[in-house]
Amino acid sequence: MKKQRPVYLNLTQIQLPAAGLSSILHRISGIIMFVAIGILIWLLDLSLRSHASFDMVVSMLKHDLFKFILWGILTAFIYHLVAGIRHMIMDAGYWEELSSGTLSAQVTIGISVVFSIMVGVWLWV
């Protein structure tokens, strides 16, 4: 008698296809943007309180740690926007086949990386 034993899945060794990676990154970027709303509203409130608090926000923007946080927020926004456009095109009935879906996921990730690098250059230069 052969018993059906549970299969051990090592999640660190599973290779996701590009479409799966794109989908997970889209969800993660949405969570990051949700958390970032609090940070951005706090900065807006702080910058509108007085001239001194505005100067404090400007001085915060000059620190590398804060630039890194802002870069992360902008990168999440860019990725979420590009992946959202991809999903809207897929909802219209295009790029639903395996080959075109994989290609569109790779292009989405590539475009996001390029724009993320451009935002990083813009912030640090």
N, C-alpha and C. Protein backbone atom coordinates (compact mmCIF):
# COMPACT_ATOMS: atom_id res chain seq x y z
N MET A 1 0.84 -1.18 0.00
CA MET A 1 0.00 0.00 0.00
C MET A 1 0.89 1.25 0.00
N LYS A 2 0.67 2.11 -0.96
CA LYS A 2 1.46 3.32 -1.09
C LYS A 2 0.75 4.48 -0.40
N LYS A 3 1.43 5.11 0.51
CA LYS A 3 0.82 6.23 1.24
C LYS A 3 1.11 7.55 0.52
N GLN A 4 0.15 8.41 0.51
CA GLN A 4 0.32 9.76 -0.05
C GLN A 4 0.89 10.65 1.05
N ARG A 5 2.16 10.89 0.95
CA ARG A 5 2.82 11.72 1.95
C ARG A 5 2.86 13.16 1.44
N PRO A 6 2.85 14.12 2.34
CA PRO A 6 2.95 15.52 1.90
C PRO A 6 4.31 15.78 1.24
N VAL A 7 4.30 16.61 0.26
CA VAL A 7 5.51 16.95 -0.46
C VAL A 7 6.12 18.19 0.18
N TYR A 8 7.40 18.11 0.46
CA TYR A 8 8.11 19.25 1.03
C TYR A 8 8.49 20.20 -0.10
N LEU A 9 8.01 21.42 -0.01
CA LEU A 9 8.34 22.44 -1.01
C LEU A 9 9.32 23.43 -0.40
N ASN A 10 10.49 23.49 -0.94
CA ASN A 10 11.47 24.46 -0.51
C ASN A 10 11.22 25.74 -1.30
N LEU A 11 10.60 26.71 -0.65
CA LEU A 11 10.19 27.93 -1.34
C LEU A 11 11.36 28.79 -1.79
N THR A 12 12.53 28.58 -1.22
CA THR A 12 13.70 29.36 -1.64
C THR A 12 14.27 28.86 -2.96
N GLN A 13 13.89 27.65 -3.38
CA GLN A 13 14.44 27.10 -4.62
C GLN A 13 13.46 27.13 -5.78
N ILE A 14 12.24 27.60 -5.54
CA ILE A 14 11.25 27.66 -6.61
C ILE A 14 11.54 28.88 -7.49
N GLN A 15 11.63 28.67 -8.78
CA GLN A 15 11.87 29.75 -9.73
C GLN A 15 10.53 30.19 -10.33
N LEU A 16 10.13 31.40 -10.02
CA LEU A 16 8.89 31.91 -10.57
C LEU A 16 9.08 32.33 -12.01
N PRO A 17 8.07 32.15 -12.85
CA PRO A 17 8.15 32.71 -14.19
C PRO A 17 8.03 34.23 -14.11
N ALA A 18 8.37 34.91 -15.19
CA ALA A 18 8.36 36.37 -15.20
C ALA A 18 6.99 36.93 -14.87
N ALA A 19 5.93 36.30 -15.37
CA ALA A 19 4.59 36.79 -15.10
C ALA A 19 4.24 36.67 -13.61
N GLY A 20 4.67 35.60 -12.97
CA GLY A 20 4.44 35.43 -11.54
C GLY A 20 5.21 36.44 -10.72
N LEU A 21 6.47 36.66 -11.10
CA LEU A 21 7.28 37.67 -10.42
C LEU A 21 6.69 39.06 -10.58
N SER A 22 6.21 39.36 -11.79
CA SER A 22 5.59 40.65 -12.05
C SER A 22 4.35 40.85 -11.20
N SER A 23 3.55 39.80 -11.06
CA SER A 23 2.33 39.89 -10.26
C SER A 23 2.64 40.11 -8.78
N ILE A 24 3.61 39.38 -8.26
CA ILE A 24 3.97 39.54 -6.85
C ILE A 24 4.57 40.93 -6.60
N LEU A 25 5.42 41.40 -7.51
CA LEU A 25 5.99 42.73 -7.35
C LEU A 25 4.92 43.81 -7.43
N HIS A 26 3.89 43.60 -8.23
CA HIS A 26 2.79 44.56 -8.31
C HIS A 26 2.07 44.66 -6.98
N ARG A 27 1.86 43.53 -6.32
CA ARG A 27 1.21 43.54 -5.01
C ARG A 27 2.10 44.17 -3.95
N ILE A 28 3.39 43.86 -3.98
CA ILE A 28 4.31 44.44 -3.01
C ILE A 28 4.41 45.95 -3.19
N SER A 29 4.45 46.41 -4.43
CA SER A 29 4.53 47.85 -4.67
C SER A 29 3.26 48.55 -4.20
N GLY A 30 2.11 47.88 -4.29
CA GLY A 30 0.88 48.46 -3.77
C GLY A 30 0.92 48.61 -2.26
N ILE A 31 1.48 47.63 -1.57
CA ILE A 31 1.61 47.70 -0.11
C ILE A 31 2.57 48.82 0.27
N ILE A 32 3.68 48.94 -0.46
CA ILE A 32 4.65 50.00 -0.17
C ILE A 32 4.00 51.37 -0.37
N MET A 33 3.22 51.51 -1.44
CA MET A 33 2.56 52.80 -1.68
C MET A 33 1.53 53.11 -0.59
N PHE A 34 0.85 52.09 -0.09
CA PHE A 34 -0.12 52.30 0.98
C PHE A 34 0.58 52.82 2.24
N VAL A 35 1.72 52.24 2.58
CA VAL A 35 2.48 52.70 3.75
C VAL A 35 3.07 54.09 3.49
N ALA A 36 3.48 54.33 2.25
CA ALA A 36 4.12 55.59 1.90
C ALA A 36 3.16 56.77 1.96
N ILE A 37 1.87 56.51 1.84
CA ILE A 37 0.90 57.59 1.93
C ILE A 37 1.05 58.32 3.26
N GLY A 38 1.23 57.60 4.33
CA GLY A 38 1.42 58.22 5.64
C GLY A 38 2.65 59.09 5.69
N ILE A 39 3.74 58.61 5.13
CA ILE A 39 4.99 59.38 5.12
C ILE A 39 4.82 60.65 4.30
N LEU A 40 4.22 60.52 3.12
CA LEU A 40 4.07 61.68 2.24
C LEU A 40 3.10 62.71 2.81
N ILE A 41 2.02 62.27 3.44
CA ILE A 41 1.09 63.21 4.07
C ILE A 41 1.76 63.92 5.24
N TRP A 42 2.55 63.18 6.01
CA TRP A 42 3.28 63.81 7.11
C TRP A 42 4.24 64.88 6.59
N LEU A 43 4.95 64.57 5.51
CA LEU A 43 5.88 65.56 4.94
C LEU A 43 5.14 66.78 4.40
N LEU A 44 4.00 66.56 3.76
CA LEU A 44 3.21 67.68 3.26
C LEU A 44 2.72 68.54 4.40
N ASP A 45 2.21 67.92 5.46
CA ASP A 45 1.75 68.67 6.62
C ASP A 45 2.88 69.46 7.25
N LEU A 46 4.02 68.82 7.38
CA LEU A 46 5.18 69.49 7.97
C LEU A 46 5.65 70.66 7.12
N SER A 47 5.63 70.49 5.81
CA SER A 47 6.10 71.56 4.94
C SER A 47 5.15 72.74 4.89
N LEU A 48 3.88 72.54 5.20
CA LEU A 48 2.90 73.63 5.13
C LEU A 48 2.68 74.34 6.46
N ARG A 49 3.30 73.89 7.53
CA ARG A 49 3.08 74.51 8.84
C ARG A 49 3.69 75.90 8.93
N SER A 50 4.94 76.03 8.57
CA SER A 50 5.61 77.32 8.65
C SER A 50 6.81 77.31 7.72
N HIS A 51 7.42 78.49 7.59
CA HIS A 51 8.60 78.58 6.73
C HIS A 51 9.75 77.76 7.33
N ALA A 52 9.87 77.78 8.65
CA ALA A 52 10.95 77.01 9.30
C ALA A 52 10.75 75.50 9.11
N SER A 53 9.52 75.04 9.21
CA SER A 53 9.29 73.61 9.01
C SER A 53 9.48 73.22 7.55
N PHE A 54 9.18 74.14 6.62
CA PHE A 54 9.46 73.88 5.21
C PHE A 54 10.96 73.74 4.99
N ASP A 55 11.73 74.62 5.62
CA ASP A 55 13.19 74.52 5.51
C ASP A 55 13.70 73.22 6.11
N MET A 56 13.03 72.74 7.15
CA MET A 56 13.43 71.47 7.76
C MET A 56 13.18 70.31 6.79
N VAL A 57 12.06 70.34 6.07
CA VAL A 57 11.77 69.30 5.09
C VAL A 57 12.79 69.35 3.96
N VAL A 58 13.14 70.55 3.52
CA VAL A 58 14.14 70.70 2.47
C VAL A 58 15.49 70.15 2.94
N SER A 59 15.86 70.41 4.17
CA SER A 59 17.14 69.88 4.69
C SER A 59 17.07 68.36 4.84
N MET A 60 15.88 67.82 5.15
CA MET A 60 15.74 66.36 5.24
C MET A 60 15.93 65.73 3.86
N LEU A 61 15.47 66.42 2.83
CA LEU A 61 15.59 65.89 1.47
C LEU A 61 17.04 65.80 1.01
N LYS A 62 17.95 66.47 1.69
CA LYS A 62 19.36 66.46 1.30
C LYS A 62 20.12 65.27 1.88
N HIS A 63 19.55 64.57 2.86
CA HIS A 63 20.22 63.43 3.47
C HIS A 63 20.03 62.18 2.62
N ASP A 64 21.08 61.36 2.56
CA ASP A 64 21.05 60.16 1.72
C ASP A 64 20.01 59.15 2.17
N LEU A 65 19.81 59.00 3.48
CA LEU A 65 18.82 58.05 3.97
C LEU A 65 17.42 58.45 3.51
N PHE A 66 17.11 59.71 3.63
CA PHE A 66 15.80 60.17 3.20
C PHE A 66 15.65 60.08 1.69
N LYS A 67 16.72 60.35 0.95
CA LYS A 67 16.68 60.18 -0.50
C LYS A 67 16.43 58.73 -0.87
N PHE A 68 17.02 57.81 -0.10
CA PHE A 68 16.81 56.39 -0.36
C PHE A 68 15.36 55.99 -0.11
N ILE A 69 14.77 56.51 0.97
CA ILE A 69 13.36 56.24 1.26
C ILE A 69 12.48 56.81 0.15
N LEU A 70 12.75 58.03 -0.26
CA LEU A 70 11.98 58.66 -1.33
C LEU A 70 12.16 57.90 -2.64
N TRP A 71 13.39 57.42 -2.91
CA TRP A 71 13.64 56.62 -4.11
C TRP A 71 12.83 55.33 -4.07
N GLY A 72 12.75 54.70 -2.91
CA GLY A 72 11.96 53.48 -2.78
C GLY A 72 10.48 53.72 -3.02
N ILE A 73 9.96 54.83 -2.50
CA ILE A 73 8.56 55.17 -2.72
C ILE A 73 8.30 55.44 -4.20
N LEU A 74 9.17 56.21 -4.83
CA LEU A 74 8.99 56.53 -6.25
C LEU A 74 9.16 55.29 -7.13
N THR A 75 10.07 54.41 -6.75
CA THR A 75 10.25 53.17 -7.50
C THR A 75 9.00 52.30 -7.40
N ALA A 76 8.44 52.20 -6.22
CA ALA A 76 7.20 51.43 -6.05
C ALA A 76 6.08 52.04 -6.87
N PHE A 77 5.98 53.37 -6.88
CA PHE A 77 4.94 54.03 -7.66
C PHE A 77 5.13 53.77 -9.15
N ILE A 78 6.36 53.88 -9.63
CA ILE A 78 6.64 53.65 -11.05
C ILE A 78 6.29 52.21 -11.43
N TYR A 79 6.74 51.25 -10.63
CA TYR A 79 6.45 49.86 -10.97
C TYR A 79 4.96 49.59 -10.94
N HIS A 80 4.27 50.10 -9.93
CA HIS A 80 2.85 49.87 -9.83
C HIS A 80 2.11 50.48 -11.01
N LEU A 81 2.55 51.64 -11.46
CA LEU A 81 1.93 52.29 -12.61
C LEU A 81 2.15 51.48 -13.88
N VAL A 82 3.38 51.07 -14.13
CA VAL A 82 3.69 50.32 -15.36
C VAL A 82 2.99 48.97 -15.34
N ALA A 83 3.01 48.27 -14.21
CA ALA A 83 2.34 46.97 -14.13
C ALA A 83 0.83 47.14 -14.21
N GLY A 84 0.31 48.23 -13.68
CA GLY A 84 -1.12 48.49 -13.79
C GLY A 84 -1.55 48.70 -15.24
N ILE A 85 -0.72 49.41 -16.01
CA ILE A 85 -1.00 49.59 -17.43
C ILE A 85 -0.97 48.23 -18.13
N ARG A 86 -0.01 47.38 -17.78
CA ARG A 86 0.06 46.03 -18.35
C ARG A 86 -1.20 45.24 -18.04
N HIS A 87 -1.66 45.33 -16.80
CA HIS A 87 -2.87 44.60 -16.43
C HIS A 87 -4.10 45.14 -17.15
N MET A 88 -4.17 46.44 -17.35
CA MET A 88 -5.30 47.01 -18.09
C MET A 88 -5.30 46.54 -19.54
N ILE A 89 -4.13 46.44 -20.14
CA ILE A 89 -4.04 45.93 -21.51
C ILE A 89 -4.45 44.46 -21.55
N MET A 90 -4.04 43.71 -20.53
CA MET A 90 -4.45 42.30 -20.47
C MET A 90 -5.95 42.17 -20.25
N ASP A 91 -6.55 43.09 -19.49
CA ASP A 91 -8.01 43.06 -19.29
C ASP A 91 -8.75 43.35 -20.59
N ALA A 92 -8.10 44.07 -21.50
CA ALA A 92 -8.72 44.36 -22.79
C ALA A 92 -8.61 43.17 -23.74
N GLY A 93 -7.91 42.12 -23.34
CA GLY A 93 -7.85 40.90 -24.15
C GLY A 93 -6.55 40.69 -24.89
N TYR A 94 -5.56 41.50 -24.64
CA TYR A 94 -4.26 41.35 -25.29
C TYR A 94 -3.25 40.74 -24.31
N TRP A 95 -2.19 40.16 -24.86
CA TRP A 95 -1.07 39.62 -24.09
C TRP A 95 -1.51 38.54 -23.09
N GLU A 96 -2.52 37.77 -23.46
CA GLU A 96 -3.00 36.73 -22.56
C GLU A 96 -2.36 35.38 -22.82
N GLU A 97 -1.68 35.22 -23.94
CA GLU A 97 -1.00 33.96 -24.23
C GLU A 97 0.26 33.87 -23.39
N LEU A 98 0.78 32.67 -23.26
CA LEU A 98 1.95 32.45 -22.41
C LEU A 98 3.16 33.23 -22.90
N SER A 99 3.44 33.19 -24.19
CA SER A 99 4.64 33.87 -24.71
C SER A 99 4.52 35.38 -24.62
N SER A 100 3.38 35.94 -25.00
CA SER A 100 3.22 37.39 -24.95
C SER A 100 3.08 37.88 -23.51
N GLY A 101 2.49 37.07 -22.64
CA GLY A 101 2.41 37.44 -21.23
C GLY A 101 3.77 37.47 -20.57
N THR A 102 4.61 36.50 -20.91
CA THR A 102 5.97 36.47 -20.38
C THR A 102 6.77 37.66 -20.89
N LEU A 103 6.64 37.95 -22.18
CA LEU A 103 7.36 39.08 -22.75
C LEU A 103 6.89 40.40 -22.15
N SER A 104 5.59 40.56 -21.97
CA SER A 104 5.08 41.81 -21.39
C SER A 104 5.53 41.96 -19.94
N ALA A 105 5.63 40.86 -19.20
CA ALA A 105 6.12 40.93 -17.82
C ALA A 105 7.59 41.33 -17.79
N GLN A 106 8.39 40.77 -18.71
CA GLN A 106 9.80 41.14 -18.78
C GLN A 106 9.97 42.60 -19.17
N VAL A 107 9.17 43.07 -20.11
CA VAL A 107 9.23 44.47 -20.53
C VAL A 107 8.81 45.38 -19.37
N THR A 108 7.79 44.98 -18.63
CA THR A 108 7.34 45.76 -17.48
C THR A 108 8.45 45.91 -16.45
N ILE A 109 9.11 44.82 -16.15
CA ILE A 109 10.20 44.87 -15.17
C ILE A 109 11.36 45.70 -15.72
N GLY A 110 11.67 45.55 -17.00
CA GLY A 110 12.76 46.31 -17.61
C GLY A 110 12.49 47.80 -17.63
N ILE A 111 11.29 48.19 -18.03
CA ILE A 111 10.93 49.62 -18.05
C ILE A 111 11.00 50.20 -16.65
N SER A 112 10.53 49.44 -15.68
CA SER A 112 10.54 49.92 -14.30
C SER A 112 11.96 50.10 -13.78
N VAL A 113 12.85 49.19 -14.14
CA VAL A 113 14.25 49.31 -13.72
C VAL A 113 14.89 50.56 -14.34
N VAL A 114 14.62 50.78 -15.62
CA VAL A 114 15.18 51.96 -16.29
C VAL A 114 14.68 53.24 -15.64
N PHE A 115 13.36 53.34 -15.39
CA PHE A 115 12.82 54.54 -14.76
C PHE A 115 13.30 54.68 -13.33
N SER A 116 13.49 53.57 -12.64
CA SER A 116 13.99 53.61 -11.27
C SER A 116 15.42 54.16 -11.23
N ILE A 117 16.23 53.75 -12.18
CA ILE A 117 17.60 54.28 -12.27
C ILE A 117 17.56 55.77 -12.59
N MET A 118 16.67 56.17 -13.49
CA MET A 118 16.55 57.58 -13.83
C MET A 118 16.14 58.42 -12.61
N VAL A 119 15.22 57.91 -11.81
CA VAL A 119 14.80 58.62 -10.60
C VAL A 119 15.95 58.69 -9.61
N GLY A 120 16.73 57.61 -9.49
CA GLY A 120 17.89 57.64 -8.61
C GLY A 120 18.91 58.66 -9.03
N VAL A 121 19.16 58.74 -10.31
CA VAL A 121 20.11 59.76 -10.82
C VAL A 121 19.55 61.15 -10.54
N TRP A 122 18.25 61.35 -10.75
CA TRP A 122 17.63 62.65 -10.51
C TRP A 122 17.74 63.04 -9.04
N LEU A 123 17.59 62.08 -8.13
CA LEU A 123 17.63 62.40 -6.69
C LEU A 123 19.04 62.67 -6.20
N TRP A 124 20.02 61.92 -6.69
CA TRP A 124 21.37 62.05 -6.14
C TRP A 124 22.28 62.98 -6.91
N VAL A 125 21.86 63.46 -8.06
CA VAL A 125 22.75 64.37 -8.82
C VAL A 125 22.26 65.78 -8.69
